[in-house]
């Protein structure tokens, strides 16, 4: 009798204790096998290439994770499905993961049975968001960056999205590093974004930079 096909999973999280817990929970699900693990985002692509899993279960905020990893995974020749499991539950993170190609988003505060539901849903081709995240309501429409930022701020935002450091941006735009730093702070304030990785995601989502050129 032929054994049913297993769901082969690569698991990624920078906290070993979290990985151990998730692995135990996942392998209790009938037909699921965790075939490899990664402790950093920059290990994830190589791990996926080596093991060709059906599903990647990963945090979105960990060392070596630049925010565009989901899109790179989905651009592979035989792409795995992607389930984000994260402590971050802001609408911005959910929006970014969805628009970059994640199949599901599960909060780490959910019950263990919700993890199985998420895996089953994603592998069946249905988008999944855990109940506590769904209760936040629909994602509001965003105003375009051209309405929120000055022309100079847009120039600097694009350079940030392409991976430019403050000194490099200053040199290319003929500004002082201090001036670029002030603009960066104002950009973050106006967009309600507090780190560079999320600024990069914002640039990609709004078509300001090509994901292949982003940091």
Protein backbone atom coordinates (compact mmCIF):
# COMPACT_ATOMS: atom_id res chain seq x y z
CA UNK A 1 0.00 0.00 0.00
CA UNK A 2 1.41 3.37 -1.02
CA UNK A 3 2.08 5.80 1.85
CA UNK A 4 0.31 9.15 1.60
CA UNK A 5 2.51 12.01 0.45
CA UNK A 6 4.06 13.94 3.30
CA UNK A 7 4.11 17.70 3.65
CA UNK A 8 7.82 18.49 3.80
CA UNK A 9 8.57 21.61 5.84
CA UNK A 10 11.62 23.83 6.34
CA UNK A 11 11.34 25.68 9.65
CA UNK A 12 13.11 29.01 10.27
CA UNK A 13 13.34 31.00 13.50
CA UNK A 14 16.29 32.59 15.29
CA UNK A 15 15.22 31.27 18.71
CA UNK A 16 16.19 27.63 19.17
CA UNK A 17 13.57 27.05 21.86
CA UNK A 18 10.86 28.37 19.54
CA UNK A 19 12.06 26.14 16.70
CA UNK A 20 12.00 23.10 18.98
CA UNK A 21 8.46 23.88 20.11
CA UNK A 22 7.20 24.49 16.58
CA UNK A 23 8.90 21.35 15.31
CA UNK A 24 7.24 19.22 17.99
CA UNK A 25 3.84 20.72 17.17
CA UNK A 26 4.28 20.36 13.42
CA UNK A 27 5.41 16.75 13.60
CA UNK A 28 2.32 15.85 15.62
CA UNK A 29 0.29 16.71 12.54
CA UNK A 30 -0.36 13.57 10.50
CA UNK A 31 1.52 13.60 7.21
CA UNK A 32 3.91 16.42 8.18
CA UNK A 33 7.71 16.19 8.41
CA UNK A 34 10.18 18.96 9.28
CA UNK A 35 13.08 18.14 6.95
CA UNK A 36 15.42 21.02 7.85
CA UNK A 37 15.78 24.11 10.01
CA UNK A 38 17.41 27.53 9.68
CA UNK A 39 18.35 29.91 12.47
CA UNK A 40 18.95 32.98 10.30
CA UNK A 41 17.20 34.50 7.33
CA UNK A 42 20.33 34.40 5.19
CA UNK A 43 20.55 30.61 5.70
CA UNK A 44 17.00 30.08 4.55
CA UNK A 45 17.40 30.25 0.77
CA UNK A 46 20.25 27.73 0.71
CA UNK A 47 18.34 25.42 3.04
CA UNK A 48 15.29 25.56 0.79
CA UNK A 49 17.38 24.93 -2.33
CA UNK A 50 18.95 21.85 -0.73
CA UNK A 51 15.74 20.31 0.59
CA UNK A 52 13.02 21.52 -1.84
CA UNK A 53 10.24 21.60 0.77
CA UNK A 54 6.54 21.94 0.13
CA UNK A 55 6.19 24.60 2.82
CA UNK A 56 8.41 27.10 4.61
CA UNK A 57 7.31 28.09 8.11
CA UNK A 58 9.29 31.16 9.12
CA UNK A 59 9.42 34.25 11.28
CA UNK A 60 9.59 37.50 9.30
CA UNK A 61 11.87 39.39 11.72
CA UNK A 62 15.14 37.66 12.56
CA UNK A 63 18.86 38.14 11.86
CA UNK A 64 19.69 37.99 8.16
CA UNK A 65 16.04 38.43 7.16
CA UNK A 66 15.72 41.49 4.93
CA UNK A 67 11.96 41.46 4.51
CA UNK A 68 12.11 40.44 0.86
CA UNK A 69 12.92 36.81 1.61
CA UNK A 70 9.31 35.81 0.99
CA UNK A 71 9.45 37.22 -2.53
CA UNK A 72 12.75 35.45 -3.21
CA UNK A 73 11.30 32.16 -2.04
CA UNK A 74 8.23 32.62 -4.24
CA UNK A 75 10.47 33.44 -7.22
CA UNK A 76 12.28 30.08 -7.08
CA UNK A 77 11.85 27.61 -9.94
CA UNK A 78 9.76 25.29 -7.75
CA UNK A 79 8.56 27.66 -5.05
CA UNK A 80 7.37 26.41 -1.67
CA UNK A 81 4.31 27.81 0.00
CA UNK A 82 5.16 30.23 2.82
CA UNK A 83 3.54 30.51 6.24
CA UNK A 84 4.72 33.39 8.45
CA UNK A 85 4.65 32.68 12.21
CA UNK A 86 5.50 35.86 14.09
CA UNK A 87 5.03 37.92 17.23
CA UNK A 88 4.48 40.98 15.01
CA UNK A 89 0.76 41.52 14.55
CA UNK A 90 0.61 45.00 13.05
CA UNK A 91 -1.43 45.54 9.90
CA UNK A 92 1.75 46.76 8.17
CA UNK A 93 3.50 43.42 8.64
CA UNK A 94 0.43 41.48 7.54
CA UNK A 95 0.02 43.69 4.47
CA UNK A 96 3.69 43.37 3.53
CA UNK A 97 3.78 39.60 3.89
CA UNK A 98 0.63 39.18 1.81
CA UNK A 99 1.76 41.49 -0.99
CA UNK A 100 5.20 39.88 -1.17
CA UNK A 101 3.60 36.47 -1.65
CA UNK A 102 3.15 34.80 1.75
CA UNK A 103 0.31 32.29 1.81
CA UNK A 104 -0.53 32.73 5.48
CA UNK A 105 0.25 34.70 8.62
CA UNK A 106 -0.07 33.17 12.11
CA UNK A 107 0.52 34.98 15.39
CA UNK A 108 2.74 33.20 17.92
CA UNK A 109 0.09 33.78 20.57
CA UNK A 110 -2.35 31.41 18.86
CA UNK A 111 -3.22 27.94 20.15
CA UNK A 112 -1.33 24.87 18.87
CA UNK A 113 -4.39 23.62 16.98
CA UNK A 114 -4.37 26.86 14.98
CA UNK A 115 -0.95 25.94 13.60
CA UNK A 116 -2.35 22.75 12.09
CA UNK A 117 -5.29 24.69 10.61
CA UNK A 118 -2.83 27.16 9.08
CA UNK A 119 -0.70 24.43 7.50
CA UNK A 120 -3.74 22.59 6.11
CA UNK A 121 -5.26 25.77 4.72
CA UNK A 122 -2.08 27.00 3.07
CA UNK A 123 -1.31 23.60 1.53
CA UNK A 124 -4.87 23.47 0.16
CA UNK A 125 -4.22 26.73 -1.66
CA UNK A 126 -6.27 28.94 0.65
CA UNK A 127 -4.87 32.14 2.17
CA UNK A 128 -4.78 31.97 5.98
CA UNK A 129 -4.70 34.59 8.72
CA UNK A 130 -5.16 33.60 12.34
CA UNK A 131 -8.38 34.66 14.09
CA UNK A 132 -6.81 37.28 16.38
CA UNK A 133 -5.28 39.02 13.32
CA UNK A 134 -8.52 38.86 11.36
CA UNK A 135 -10.27 40.67 14.23
CA UNK A 136 -8.15 43.73 13.50
CA UNK A 137 -10.41 44.30 10.52
CA UNK A 138 -9.68 44.97 6.88
CA UNK A 139 -6.49 46.70 5.88
CA UNK A 140 -7.12 50.39 5.22
CA UNK A 141 -6.21 51.90 1.88
CA UNK A 142 -2.88 53.68 1.91
CA UNK A 143 -2.20 57.13 0.57
CA UNK A 144 0.51 57.06 -2.11
CA UNK A 145 3.99 58.16 -1.01
CA UNK A 146 3.82 61.12 -3.41
CA UNK A 147 1.08 62.59 -1.19
CA UNK A 148 2.99 62.08 2.04
CA UNK A 149 6.57 63.02 1.19
CA UNK A 150 8.41 65.89 -0.42
CA UNK A 151 10.31 65.36 -3.67
CA UNK A 152 13.63 65.26 -1.79
CA UNK A 153 12.26 62.78 0.74
CA UNK A 154 11.08 60.54 -2.09
CA UNK A 155 14.58 60.64 -3.61
CA UNK A 156 16.09 59.59 -0.30
CA UNK A 157 13.44 56.92 0.30
CA UNK A 158 14.21 55.32 -3.08
CA UNK A 159 17.94 55.29 -2.23
CA UNK A 160 17.16 53.64 1.12
CA UNK A 161 15.01 51.06 -0.66
CA UNK A 162 17.94 50.23 -2.93
CA UNK A 163 20.13 49.55 0.09
CA UNK A 164 22.00 52.86 0.22
CA UNK A 165 23.75 53.81 3.47
CA UNK A 166 23.51 57.37 4.79
CA UNK A 167 26.99 58.42 3.60
CA UNK A 168 26.45 56.90 0.16
CA UNK A 169 23.08 58.64 -0.24
CA UNK A 170 24.60 61.93 0.90
CA UNK A 171 27.39 61.64 -1.68
CA UNK A 172 25.05 60.75 -4.55
CA UNK A 173 22.57 63.55 -3.79
CA UNK A 174 25.14 66.20 -2.86
CA UNK A 175 23.92 66.47 0.74
CA UNK A 176 25.57 66.18 4.12
CA UNK A 177 25.10 62.90 6.06
CA UNK A 178 23.41 64.92 8.81
CA UNK A 179 20.83 66.29 6.35
CA UNK A 180 20.13 62.78 5.02
CA UNK A 181 19.71 61.58 8.61
CA UNK A 182 17.16 64.30 9.31
CA UNK A 183 15.23 63.42 6.15
CA UNK A 184 15.31 59.72 7.05
CA UNK A 185 13.82 60.48 10.47
CA UNK A 186 11.06 62.61 8.95
CA UNK A 187 10.28 59.95 6.33
CA UNK A 188 9.88 57.34 9.05
CA UNK A 189 7.69 59.68 11.08
CA UNK A 190 5.40 60.51 8.14
CA UNK A 191 5.05 56.89 7.04
CA UNK A 192 4.72 55.49 10.55
CA UNK A 193 7.61 53.09 9.92
CA UNK A 194 10.40 52.64 12.44
CA UNK A 195 13.08 50.51 10.74
CA UNK A 196 14.93 50.21 7.44
CA UNK A 197 13.63 46.73 6.56
CA UNK A 198 10.05 47.98 6.62
CA UNK A 199 11.01 51.06 4.58
CA UNK A 200 12.37 48.67 1.95
CA UNK A 201 9.13 46.69 1.98
CA UNK A 202 7.20 49.94 1.60
CA UNK A 203 9.30 50.91 -1.44
CA UNK A 204 8.72 47.55 -3.11
CA UNK A 205 5.00 47.56 -2.37
CA UNK A 206 4.56 51.01 -3.91
CA UNK A 207 6.71 50.26 -6.95
CA UNK A 208 9.44 52.74 -5.99
CA UNK A 209 12.14 50.10 -6.39
CA UNK A 210 12.36 46.71 -8.08
CA UNK A 211 12.47 43.88 -5.53
CA UNK A 212 15.46 42.40 -7.34
CA UNK A 213 17.44 45.59 -6.65
CA UNK A 214 16.25 46.12 -3.11
CA UNK A 215 18.45 45.51 -0.14
